[in-house]
Each structure stands twice: as structure tokens, then as C-alpha cells.
Protein backbone atom coordinates (compact mmCIF):
# COMPACT_ATOMS: atom_id res chain seq x y z
CA MET A 1 -59.92 136.01 -18.16
CA LEU A 2 -58.39 135.35 -14.76
CA GLU A 3 -57.17 138.09 -12.48
CA LEU A 4 -53.41 138.53 -12.84
CA GLN A 5 -51.50 137.19 -9.87
CA ASN A 6 -49.10 139.45 -7.97
CA SER A 7 -47.37 136.74 -5.93
CA ILE A 8 -45.73 133.41 -6.63
CA THR A 9 -47.53 130.52 -4.97
CA ARG A 10 -47.74 126.80 -5.65
CA LYS A 11 -51.35 127.26 -6.75
CA ASN A 12 -50.68 129.92 -9.35
CA ILE A 13 -47.54 128.17 -10.60
CA LYS A 14 -49.73 125.11 -11.19
CA ASN A 15 -52.21 127.36 -13.03
CA LEU A 16 -49.36 128.64 -15.21
CA MET A 17 -48.07 125.13 -15.92
CA THR A 18 -51.55 123.84 -16.74
CA LEU A 19 -52.25 126.74 -19.12
CA PHE A 20 -48.89 126.32 -20.81
CA TYR A 21 -49.19 122.56 -21.24
CA GLU A 22 -52.77 122.76 -22.50
CA ARG A 23 -51.34 124.90 -25.28
CA ALA A 24 -48.16 122.87 -25.74
CA ILE A 25 -49.89 119.52 -26.26
CA CYS A 26 -52.02 121.10 -29.01
CA ASP A 27 -49.01 122.62 -30.73
CA LYS A 28 -47.69 120.75 -33.79
CA GLU A 29 -44.05 121.40 -32.80
CA LEU A 30 -44.25 120.66 -29.06
CA GLY A 31 -47.27 118.41 -28.74
CA PRO A 32 -45.63 115.19 -29.93
CA PHE A 33 -42.83 115.45 -27.33
CA PHE A 34 -45.19 115.89 -24.40
CA ILE A 35 -47.81 113.45 -25.63
CA HIS A 36 -45.10 110.81 -26.10
CA GLU A 37 -43.91 111.26 -22.50
CA LEU A 38 -47.15 111.99 -20.63
CA GLY A 39 -50.13 111.43 -22.94
CA ASP A 40 -52.70 113.89 -24.22
CA ASP A 41 -54.96 114.02 -21.14
CA ILE A 42 -53.70 116.84 -18.92
CA ALA A 43 -56.01 115.62 -16.15
CA SER A 44 -54.20 112.26 -15.95
CA GLU A 45 -52.12 111.24 -12.94
CA ASP A 46 -48.91 111.44 -14.99
CA TRP A 47 -49.64 115.04 -15.90
CA LYS A 48 -50.68 115.93 -12.34
CA GLU A 49 -47.36 114.54 -11.05
CA HIS A 50 -45.44 116.43 -13.73
CA ILE A 51 -47.14 119.72 -12.89
CA GLU A 52 -46.45 119.17 -9.17
CA LEU A 53 -42.79 118.51 -10.00
CA LEU A 54 -42.64 121.72 -12.02
CA ALA A 55 -44.27 123.66 -9.19
CA ASP A 56 -41.48 122.35 -6.95
CA PHE A 57 -38.94 123.37 -9.58
CA TRP A 58 -40.21 126.93 -10.01
CA LEU A 59 -40.61 127.46 -6.26
CA ALA A 60 -36.97 126.45 -5.86
CA LYS A 61 -35.68 128.55 -8.76
CA LEU A 62 -37.65 131.73 -8.08
CA LEU A 63 -38.10 131.69 -4.31
CA GLY A 64 -35.17 129.57 -3.16
CA GLU A 65 -37.40 126.96 -1.55
CA LYS A 66 -35.86 123.52 -1.08
CA THR A 67 -38.58 121.80 -3.09
CA TYR A 68 -36.79 120.45 -6.18
CA LYS A 69 -34.14 117.76 -6.19
CA GLY A 70 -34.40 116.54 -9.78
CA ASP A 71 -32.04 116.72 -12.74
CA LEU A 72 -33.52 119.26 -15.10
CA SER A 73 -31.10 118.75 -17.98
CA GLY A 74 -31.15 114.97 -17.69
CA ALA A 75 -34.88 114.85 -18.25
CA HIS A 76 -34.53 116.72 -21.52
CA ILE A 77 -31.48 114.97 -22.92
CA ARG A 78 -33.44 111.78 -23.56
CA VAL A 79 -36.07 113.58 -25.69
CA PRO A 80 -35.54 112.40 -29.29
CA HIS A 81 -35.36 114.74 -32.26
CA ILE A 82 -35.59 117.94 -30.24
CA LYS A 83 -34.31 120.99 -32.10
CA LYS A 84 -33.82 124.71 -31.64
CA GLU A 85 -37.26 125.46 -33.11
CA SER A 86 -38.82 123.36 -30.36
CA PHE A 87 -37.19 125.52 -27.72
CA MET A 88 -38.20 128.72 -29.53
CA LYS A 89 -41.82 127.53 -29.57
CA TRP A 90 -41.56 126.58 -25.88
CA ILE A 91 -40.37 130.10 -25.06
CA GLU A 92 -43.17 131.65 -27.12
CA LEU A 93 -45.95 129.61 -25.47
CA PHE A 94 -44.44 129.79 -22.00
CA SER A 95 -44.04 133.58 -22.21
CA ALA A 96 -47.61 134.09 -23.43
CA SER A 97 -48.91 131.87 -20.62
CA ALA A 98 -46.86 133.71 -17.97
CA ASP A 99 -48.27 137.02 -19.21
CA GLU A 100 -51.81 135.68 -18.76
CA VAL A 101 -51.24 134.44 -15.20
CA TYR A 102 -48.97 137.03 -13.58
CA VAL A 103 -48.53 140.78 -13.34
CA SER A 104 -45.73 141.98 -15.59
CA ASP A 105 -42.86 142.07 -13.08
CA ILE A 106 -43.48 138.47 -11.98
CA SER A 107 -44.20 137.30 -15.51
CA ASP A 108 -40.87 138.82 -16.55
CA ARG A 109 -39.08 136.80 -13.85
CA PHE A 110 -40.57 133.57 -15.19
CA LYS A 111 -39.75 134.52 -18.78
CA GLU A 112 -36.16 135.49 -17.96
CA LYS A 113 -35.54 132.23 -16.09
CA GLY A 114 -37.32 130.22 -18.77
CA LEU A 115 -35.10 131.74 -21.45
CA LEU A 116 -31.97 130.99 -19.42
CA PHE A 117 -33.05 127.38 -18.88
CA SER A 118 -33.87 126.98 -22.55
CA GLU A 119 -30.47 128.33 -23.56
CA GLN A 120 -28.80 125.94 -21.10
CA PHE A 121 -30.72 122.97 -22.52
CA MET A 122 -29.67 123.89 -26.05
CA ARG A 123 -26.03 124.10 -24.93
CA ASP A 124 -26.33 120.76 -23.10
CA LEU A 125 -27.88 119.17 -26.19
CA ASN A 126 -25.46 120.82 -28.62
CA ILE A 127 -28.21 122.46 -30.66
């Protein structure tokens, strides 16, 4: 088990994202979505780019850094057959991963934001 992190850095955000996606691609609910978009090899260049993009995203959302310029909702709108259960599973796996990477107060920040983003996606997608 890794030592819990007590600060938000690009490195430990990438550790969180890698842990989460290793779990997500093996999950029967989430795996097909991610494998369809990025493949099943988390060490691939596509996955590395995705994890870097998400590090930019989380640095912007949690620390106010000017690192993310993408369209978060737009990326998810084109995912076919996504449903509420998919988001619930995402929250479950993401929360468990955050708890394994960060001390509780930082993990809670990630989980709170993740839940808000998930709720926004569901509203945007009318699910």
C-alpha cells in the first residue's frame, strides 16, 4: 500500500487517475466505454495523453491552475448508451481510488467534485 498523499500534485493526481482507470477498464459496467475510446492497455500513448489531460483538469478544478481548456461535458455527450448506473459505478470506483491515494480531507475534495461533475453530466445527458 502506498503512503497517503497530503498534497495535490500532478504526480499524485496521475497516480489517482491510473489507479482509477486500471479498475474502471476491468469493470463490466465501465470497461466497455473506456476500452472503446482508449483501448485496454493503460500504458498506451492514448491513455497517457488522457491521464495527462485529466491531471490538467483536476489541477484546474481543485487548485485553480490554468491548465485545462477542454470541454468536459462535450467529451461525455458522445459516449453511446451511457446510463445512470454507469455514473454510480464511476463514483464508487473513483471514491475508493481517491481514498487509497490521499489523506481523508483531500480525498473528500476529489469525491465532492467528482460527485458534482457526475451530477452535471447526468443533467447534460438527460439521465
